[in-house]
């Protein structure tokens, strides 16, 4: 779902954006969107390689709360 976003930029930046858009035959909104997507993906770039591979593996998964985790931990360690 697309939503509108209004930006206020220096006029020289707007002129550059229009020229860049025309040169590469892409809408300014698509150029800005792609830039923010790249920034979003770079958030994992600062992680060590082994952690980067694990990034997001629990996203959307059902996870146990602290109380449930403690109960399981104590049950396993009390035997």
PDB file of N, CA and C in Angstrom:
ATOM      1  N   UNK A   1       0.843  -1.178   0.000  1.00  0.00           N
ATOM      2  CA  UNK A   1       0.000   0.000   0.000  1.00  0.00           C
ATOM      3  C   UNK A   1       0.891   1.245   0.000  1.00  0.00           C
ATOM      4  N   UNK A   2       0.726   2.076  -0.961  1.00  0.00           N
ATOM      5  CA  UNK A   2       1.506   3.300  -1.047  1.00  0.00           C
ATOM      6  C   UNK A   2       0.835   4.415  -0.266  1.00  0.00           C
ATOM      7  N   UNK A   3       1.663   5.259   0.346  1.00  0.00           N
ATOM      8  CA  UNK A   3       1.184   6.437   1.061  1.00  0.00           C
ATOM      9  C   UNK A   3       1.974   7.641   0.586  1.00  0.00           C
ATOM     10  N   UNK A   4       1.377   8.807   0.733  1.00  0.00           N
ATOM     11  CA  UNK A   4       2.051  10.040   0.321  1.00  0.00           C
ATOM     12  C   UNK A   4       2.965  10.549   1.423  1.00  0.00           C
ATOM     13  N   UNK A   5       4.051  11.197   1.001  1.00  0.00           N
ATOM     14  CA  UNK A   5       5.007  11.816   1.908  1.00  0.00           C
ATOM     15  C   UNK A   5       5.420  13.146   1.297  1.00  0.00           C
ATOM     16  N   UNK A   6       5.326  14.201   2.068  1.00  0.00           N
ATOM     17  CA  UNK A   6       5.722  15.518   1.587  1.00  0.00           C
ATOM     18  C   UNK A   6       7.092  15.859   2.149  1.00  0.00           C
ATOM     19  N   UNK A   7       8.004  16.270   1.282  1.00  0.00           N
ATOM     20  CA  UNK A   7       9.350  16.640   1.694  1.00  0.00           C
ATOM     21  C   UNK A   7       9.594  18.109   1.416  1.00  0.00           C
ATOM     22  N   UNK A   8      10.330  18.740   2.296  1.00  0.00           N
ATOM     23  CA  UNK A   8      10.776  20.113   2.070  1.00  0.00           C
ATOM     24  C   UNK A   8      12.283  20.073   1.886  1.00  0.00           C
ATOM     25  N   UNK A   9      12.733  20.463   0.690  1.00  0.00           N
ATOM     26  CA  UNK A   9      14.151  20.387   0.360  1.00  0.00           C
ATOM     27  C   UNK A   9      14.638  21.713  -0.194  1.00  0.00           C
ATOM     28  N   UNK A  10      15.929  21.917  -0.082  1.00  0.00           N
ATOM     29  CA  UNK A  10      16.567  23.081  -0.671  1.00  0.00           C
ATOM     30  C   UNK A  10      16.302  23.067  -2.185  1.00  0.00           C
ATOM     31  N   UNK A  11      16.087  24.219  -2.767  1.00  0.00           N
ATOM     32  CA  UNK A  11      15.731  24.284  -4.188  1.00  0.00           C
ATOM     33  C   UNK A  11      16.803  23.668  -5.092  1.00  0.00           C
ATOM     34  N   UNK A  12      18.066  23.781  -4.708  1.00  0.00           N
ATOM     35  CA  UNK A  12      19.117  23.184  -5.524  1.00  0.00           C
ATOM     36  C   UNK A  12      19.036  21.654  -5.485  1.00  0.00           C
ATOM     37  N   UNK A  13      18.604  21.101  -4.360  1.00  0.00           N
ATOM     38  CA  UNK A  13      18.438  19.654  -4.241  1.00  0.00           C
ATOM     39  C   UNK A  13      17.250  19.204  -5.090  1.00  0.00           C
ATOM     40  N   UNK A  14      16.196  20.003  -5.096  1.00  0.00           N
ATOM     41  CA  UNK A  14      15.022  19.684  -5.917  1.00  0.00           C
ATOM     42  C   UNK A  14      15.406  19.696  -7.397  1.00  0.00           C
ATOM     43  N   UNK A  15      16.173  20.709  -7.806  1.00  0.00           N
ATOM     44  CA  UNK A  15      16.623  20.778  -9.204  1.00  0.00           C
ATOM     45  C   UNK A  15      17.460  19.550  -9.567  1.00  0.00           C
ATOM     46  N   UNK A  16      18.366  19.162  -8.655  1.00  0.00           N
ATOM     47  CA  UNK A  16      19.180  17.978  -8.885  1.00  0.00           C
ATOM     48  C   UNK A  16      18.302  16.726  -8.982  1.00  0.00           C
ATOM     49  N   UNK A  17      17.318  16.613  -8.095  1.00  0.00           N
ATOM     50  CA  UNK A  17      16.426  15.451  -8.082  1.00  0.00           C
ATOM     51  C   UNK A  17      15.682  15.326  -9.408  1.00  0.00           C
ATOM     52  N   UNK A  18      15.199  16.436  -9.921  1.00  0.00           N
ATOM     53  CA  UNK A  18      14.493  16.407 -11.209  1.00  0.00           C
ATOM     54  C   UNK A  18      15.429  15.990 -12.343  1.00  0.00           C
ATOM     55  N   UNK A  19      16.638  16.544 -12.357  1.00  0.00           N
ATOM     56  CA  UNK A  19      17.605  16.195 -13.405  1.00  0.00           C
ATOM     57  C   UNK A  19      18.003  14.720 -13.305  1.00  0.00           C
ATOM     58  N   UNK A  20      18.240  14.244 -12.098  1.00  0.00           N
ATOM     59  CA  UNK A  20      18.615  12.848 -11.874  1.00  0.00           C
ATOM     60  C   UNK A  20      17.492  11.921 -12.311  1.00  0.00           C
ATOM     61  N   UNK A  21      16.275  12.297 -11.950  1.00  0.00           N
ATOM     62  CA  UNK A  21      15.093  11.512 -12.316  1.00  0.00           C
ATOM     63  C   UNK A  21      14.947  11.412 -13.831  1.00  0.00           C
ATOM     64  N   UNK A  22      15.122  12.511 -14.490  1.00  0.00           N
ATOM     65  CA  UNK A  22      15.001  12.540 -15.943  1.00  0.00           C
ATOM     66  C   UNK A  22      16.117  11.721 -16.600  1.00  0.00           C
ATOM     67  N   UNK A  23      17.331  11.875 -16.085  1.00  0.00           N
ATOM     68  CA  UNK A  23      18.491  11.176 -16.658  1.00  0.00           C
ATOM     69  C   UNK A  23      18.326   9.657 -16.584  1.00  0.00           C
ATOM     70  N   UNK A  24      17.819   9.161 -15.458  1.00  0.00           N
ATOM     71  CA  UNK A  24      17.689   7.712 -15.261  1.00  0.00           C
ATOM     72  C   UNK A  24      16.269   7.201 -15.519  1.00  0.00           C
ATOM     73  N   UNK A  25      15.404   8.104 -15.973  1.00  0.00           N
ATOM     74  CA  UNK A  25      14.036   7.748 -16.338  1.00  0.00           C
ATOM     75  C   UNK A  25      13.313   6.994 -15.204  1.00  0.00           C
ATOM     76  N   UNK A  26      13.470   7.533 -13.983  1.00  0.00           N
ATOM     77  CA  UNK A  26      12.807   6.970 -12.809  1.00  0.00           C
ATOM     78  C   UNK A  26      12.125   8.095 -12.050  1.00  0.00           C
ATOM     79  N   UNK A  27      10.943   7.828 -11.522  1.00  0.00           N
ATOM     80  CA  UNK A  27      10.270   8.854 -10.712  1.00  0.00           C
ATOM     81  C   UNK A  27      11.062   9.154  -9.438  1.00  0.00           C
ATOM     82  N   UNK A  28      11.026  10.387  -9.012  1.00  0.00           N
ATOM     83  CA  UNK A  28      11.732  10.790  -7.803  1.00  0.00           C
ATOM     84  C   UNK A  28      11.264   9.960  -6.610  1.00  0.00           C
ATOM     85  N   UNK A  29       9.986   9.681  -6.532  1.00  0.00           N
ATOM     86  CA  UNK A  29       9.473   8.900  -5.402  1.00  0.00           C
ATOM     87  C   UNK A  29      10.100   7.508  -5.354  1.00  0.00           C
ATOM     88  N   UNK A  30      10.333   6.904  -6.503  1.00  0.00           N
ATOM     89  CA  UNK A  30      10.946   5.579  -6.550  1.00  0.00           C
ATOM     90  C   UNK A  30      12.421   5.656  -6.138  1.00  0.00           C
ATOM     91  N   UNK A  31      13.105   6.709  -6.539  1.00  0.00           N
ATOM     92  CA  UNK A  31      14.508   6.897  -6.165  1.00  0.00           C
ATOM     93  C   UNK A  31      14.622   7.051  -4.650  1.00  0.00           C
ATOM     94  N   UNK A  32      13.754   7.868  -4.072  1.00  0.00           N
ATOM     95  CA  UNK A  32      13.762   8.082  -2.618  1.00  0.00           C
ATOM     96  C   UNK A  32      13.406   6.782  -1.896  1.00  0.00           C
ATOM     97  N   UNK A  33      12.399   6.074  -2.383  1.00  0.00           N
ATOM     98  CA  UNK A  33      11.998   4.804  -1.769  1.00  0.00           C
ATOM     99  C   UNK A  33      13.158   3.806  -1.773  1.00  0.00           C
ATOM    100  N   UNK A  34      13.831   3.672  -2.914  1.00  0.00           N
ATOM    101  CA  UNK A  34      14.961   2.746  -3.014  1.00  0.00           C
ATOM    102  C   UNK A  34      16.092   3.128  -2.064  1.00  0.00           C
ATOM    103  N   UNK A  35      16.313   4.432  -1.898  1.00  0.00           N
ATOM    104  CA  UNK A  35      17.343   4.901  -0.976  1.00  0.00           C
ATOM    105  C   UNK A  35      17.012   4.486   0.460  1.00  0.00           C
ATOM    106  N   UNK A  36      15.769   4.676   0.867  1.00  0.00           N
ATOM    107  CA  UNK A  36      15.382   4.303   2.226  1.00  0.00           C
ATOM    108  C   UNK A  36      15.394   2.788   2.425  1.00  0.00           C
ATOM    109  N   UNK A  37      15.079   2.040   1.398  1.00  0.00           N
ATOM    110  CA  UNK A  37      15.170   0.574   1.486  1.00  0.00           C
ATOM    111  C   UNK A  37      16.615   0.164   1.731  1.00  0.00           C
ATOM    112  N   UNK A  38      17.545   0.795   1.017  1.00  0.00           N
ATOM    113  CA  UNK A  38      18.971   0.498   1.218  1.00  0.00           C
ATOM    114  C   UNK A  38      19.403   0.826   2.637  1.00  0.00           C
ATOM    115  N   UNK A  39      18.966   1.966   3.161  1.00  0.00           N
ATOM    116  CA  UNK A  39      19.304   2.343   4.532  1.00  0.00           C
ATOM    117  C   UNK A  39      18.755   1.329   5.529  1.00  0.00           C
ATOM    118  N   UNK A  40      17.539   0.899   5.289  1.00  0.00           N
ATOM    119  CA  UNK A  40      16.897  -0.086   6.168  1.00  0.00           C
ATOM    120  C   UNK A  40      17.690  -1.390   6.177  1.00  0.00           C
ATOM    121  N   UNK A  41      18.152  -1.831   5.023  1.00  0.00           N
ATOM    122  CA  UNK A  41      18.906  -3.078   4.913  1.00  0.00           C
ATOM    123  C   UNK A  41      20.301  -2.960   5.516  1.00  0.00           C
ATOM    124  N   UNK A  42      20.837  -1.755   5.574  1.00  0.00           N
ATOM    125  CA  UNK A  42      22.177  -1.550   6.133  1.00  0.00           C
ATOM    126  C   UNK A  42      22.180  -1.644   7.651  1.00  0.00           C
ATOM    127  N   UNK A  43      21.021  -1.654   8.284  1.00  0.00           N
ATOM    128  CA  UNK A  43      20.970  -1.761   9.744  1.00  0.00           C
ATOM    129  C   UNK A  43      21.658  -3.017  10.245  1.00  0.00           C
ATOM    130  N   UNK A  44      21.683  -4.064   9.456  1.00  0.00           N
ATOM    131  CA  UNK A  44      22.340  -5.300   9.866  1.00  0.00           C
ATOM    132  C   UNK A  44      23.820  -5.302   9.510  1.00  0.00           C
ATOM    133  N   UNK A  45      24.275  -4.320   8.736  1.00  0.00           N
ATOM    134  CA  UNK A  45      25.661  -4.306   8.275  1.00  0.00           C
ATOM    135  C   UNK A  45      26.653  -4.132   9.421  1.00  0.00           C
ATOM    136  N   UNK A  46      26.222  -3.553  10.547  1.00  0.00           N
ATOM    137  CA  UNK A  46      27.122  -3.322  11.669  1.00  0.00           C
ATOM    138  C   UNK A  46      27.277  -4.551  12.559  1.00  0.00           C
ATOM    139  N   UNK A  47      26.492  -5.588  12.306  1.00  0.00           N
ATOM    140  CA  UNK A  47      26.562  -6.800  13.117  1.00  0.00           C
ATOM    141  C   UNK A  47      27.711  -7.691  12.654  1.00  0.00           C
ATOM    142  N   UNK A  48      28.306  -8.445  13.593  1.00  0.00           N
ATOM    143  CA  UNK A  48      29.283  -9.454  13.169  1.00  0.00           C
ATOM    144  C   UNK A  48      28.603 -10.457  12.244  1.00  0.00           C
ATOM    145  N   UNK A  49      29.368 -11.052  11.345  1.00  0.00           N
ATOM    146  CA  UNK A  49      28.822 -11.933  10.305  1.00  0.00           C
ATOM    147  C   UNK A  49      27.956 -13.055  10.886  1.00  0.00           C
ATOM    148  N   UNK A  50      28.409 -13.698  11.982  1.00  0.00           N
ATOM    149  CA  UNK A  50      27.639 -14.804  12.542  1.00  0.00           C
ATOM    150  C   UNK A  50      26.298 -14.336  13.116  1.00  0.00           C
ATOM    151  N   UNK A  51      26.257 -13.120  13.665  1.00  0.00           N
ATOM    152  CA  UNK A  51      24.994 -12.585  14.171  1.00  0.00           C
ATOM    153  C   UNK A  51      24.100 -12.103  13.039  1.00  0.00           C
ATOM    154  N   UNK A  52      24.708 -11.582  11.990  1.00  0.00           N
ATOM    155  CA  UNK A  52      23.941 -11.101  10.846  1.00  0.00           C
ATOM    156  C   UNK A  52      23.110 -12.226  10.239  1.00  0.00           C
ATOM    157  N   UNK A  53      23.681 -13.439  10.236  1.00  0.00           N
ATOM    158  CA  UNK A  53      22.957 -14.590   9.693  1.00  0.00           C
ATOM    159  C   UNK A  53      21.739 -14.940  10.529  1.00  0.00           C
ATOM    160  N   UNK A  54      21.773 -14.611  11.813  1.00  0.00           N
ATOM    161  CA  UNK A  54      20.664 -14.919  12.714  1.00  0.00           C
ATOM    162  C   UNK A  54      19.625 -13.801  12.773  1.00  0.00           C
ATOM    163  N   UNK A  55      19.972 -12.646  12.253  1.00  0.00           N
ATOM    164  CA  UNK A  55      19.098 -11.480  12.349  1.00  0.00           C
ATOM    165  C   UNK A  55      17.720 -11.775  11.764  1.00  0.00           C
ATOM    166  N   UNK A  56      16.692 -11.587  12.572  1.00  0.00           N
ATOM    167  CA  UNK A  56      15.318 -11.713  12.115  1.00  0.00           C
ATOM    168  C   UNK A  56      14.751 -13.121  12.083  1.00  0.00           C
ATOM    169  N   UNK A  57      15.495 -14.132  12.575  1.00  0.00           N
ATOM    170  CA  UNK A  57      14.981 -15.498  12.455  1.00  0.00           C
ATOM    171  C   UNK A  57      13.745 -15.737  13.305  1.00  0.00           C
ATOM    172  N   UNK A  58      13.561 -14.953  14.366  1.00  0.00           N
ATOM    173  CA  UNK A  58      12.388 -15.131  15.216  1.00  0.00           C
ATOM    174  C   UNK A  58      11.254 -14.176  14.845  1.00  0.00           C
ATOM    175  N   UNK A  59      11.449 -13.385  13.831  1.00  0.00           N
ATOM    176  CA  UNK A  59      10.435 -12.415  13.426  1.00  0.00           C
ATOM    177  C   UNK A  59       9.149 -13.143  13.027  1.00  0.00           C
ATOM    178  N   UNK A  60       8.073 -12.798  13.692  1.00  0.00           N
ATOM    179  CA  UNK A  60       6.784 -13.404  13.397  1.00  0.00           C
ATOM    180  C   UNK A  60       6.569 -14.744  14.074  1.00  0.00           C
ATOM    181  N   UNK A  61       7.570 -15.237  14.804  1.00  0.00           N
ATOM    182  CA  UNK A  61       7.430 -16.528  15.481  1.00  0.00           C
ATOM    183  C   UNK A  61       6.824 -16.327  16.863  1.00  0.00           C
ATOM    184  N   UNK A  62       6.102 -17.338  17.318  1.00  0.00           N
ATOM    185  CA  UNK A  62       5.585 -17.306  18.682  1.00  0.00           C
ATOM    186  C   UNK A  62       6.753 -17.524  19.629  1.00  0.00           C
ATOM    187  N   UNK A  63       6.901 -16.646  20.612  1.00  0.00           N
ATOM    188  CA  UNK A  63       7.984 -16.790  21.577  1.00  0.00           C
ATOM    189  C   UNK A  63       7.404 -16.889  22.978  1.00  0.00           C
ATOM    190  N   UNK A  64       8.128 -17.555  23.845  1.00  0.00           N
ATOM    191  CA  UNK A  64       7.698 -17.718  25.227  1.00  0.00           C
ATOM    192  C   UNK A  64       8.024 -16.462  26.019  1.00  0.00           C
ATOM    193  N   UNK A  65       7.216 -16.172  27.030  1.00  0.00           N
ATOM    194  CA  UNK A  65       7.527 -15.031  27.877  1.00  0.00           C
ATOM    195  C   UNK A  65       8.553 -15.438  28.931  1.00  0.00           C
ATOM    196  N   UNK A  66       9.044 -14.486  29.711  1.00  0.00           N
ATOM    197  CA  UNK A  66      10.104 -14.751  30.684  1.00  0.00           C
ATOM    198  C   UNK A  66       9.691 -15.811  31.697  1.00  0.00           C
ATOM    199  N   UNK A  67       8.459 -15.738  32.158  1.00  0.00           N
ATOM    200  CA  UNK A  67       7.985 -16.682  33.170  1.00  0.00           C
ATOM    201  C   UNK A  67       8.034 -18.115  32.635  1.00  0.00           C
ATOM    202  N   UNK A  68       7.590 -18.314  31.405  1.00  0.00           N
ATOM    203  CA  UNK A  68       7.620 -19.643  30.804  1.00  0.00           C
ATOM    204  C   UNK A  68       9.049 -20.129  30.596  1.00  0.00           C
ATOM    205  N   UNK A  69       9.926 -19.237  30.157  1.00  0.00           N
ATOM    206  CA  UNK A  69      11.322 -19.602  29.943  1.00  0.00           C
ATOM    207  C   UNK A  69      12.004 -19.993  31.252  1.00  0.00           C
ATOM    208  N   UNK A  70      11.747 -19.241  32.332  1.00  0.00           N
ATOM    209  CA  UNK A  70      12.331 -19.569  33.633  1.00  0.00           C
ATOM    210  C   UNK A  70      11.855 -20.934  34.115  1.00  0.00           C
ATOM    211  N   UNK A  71      10.571 -21.209  33.930  1.00  0.00           N
ATOM    212  CA  UNK A  71       9.998 -22.496  34.346  1.00  0.00           C
ATOM    213  C   UNK A  71      10.704 -23.644  33.624  1.00  0.00           C
ATOM    214  N   UNK A  72      10.875 -23.523  32.310  1.00  0.00           N
ATOM    215  CA  UNK A  72      11.552 -24.550  31.523  1.00  0.00           C
ATOM    216  C   UNK A  72      13.006 -24.701  31.974  1.00  0.00           C
ATOM    217  N   UNK A  73      13.670 -23.571  32.197  1.00  0.00           N
ATOM    218  CA  UNK A  73      15.080 -23.597  32.632  1.00  0.00           C
ATOM    219  C   UNK A  73      15.219 -24.341  33.948  1.00  0.00           C
ATOM    220  N   UNK A  74      14.366 -24.015  34.925  1.00  0.00           N
ATOM    221  CA  UNK A  74      14.455 -24.635  36.243  1.00  0.00           C
ATOM    222  C   UNK A  74      14.080 -26.107  36.200  1.00  0.00           C
ATOM    223  N   UNK A  75      13.136 -26.452  35.346  1.00  0.00           N
ATOM    224  CA  UNK A  75      12.768 -27.871  35.213  1.00  0.00           C
ATOM    225  C   UNK A  75      13.922 -28.687  34.645  1.00  0.00           C
ATOM    226  N   UNK A  76      14.614 -28.141  33.679  1.00  0.00           N
ATOM    227  CA  UNK A  76      15.729 -28.864  33.070  1.00  0.00           C
ATOM    228  C   UNK A  76      16.921 -28.952  34.006  1.00  0.00           C
ATOM    229  N   UNK A  77      17.145 -27.916  34.814  1.00  0.00           N
ATOM    230  CA  UNK A  77      18.326 -27.881  35.687  1.00  0.00           C
ATOM    231  C   UNK A  77      18.080 -28.491  37.052  1.00  0.00           C
ATOM    232  N   UNK A  78      16.867 -28.818  37.384  1.00  0.00           N
ATOM    233  CA  UNK A  78      16.600 -29.414  38.695  1.00  0.00           C
ATOM    234  C   UNK A  78      16.739 -30.922  38.675  1.00  0.00           C
ATOM    235  N   UNK A  79      16.863 -31.503  37.504  1.00  0.00           N
ATOM    236  CA  UNK A  79      16.993 -32.975  37.392  1.00  0.00           C
ATOM    237  C   UNK A  79      18.401 -33.435  37.465  1.00  0.00           C
TER     238      UNK A  79
END
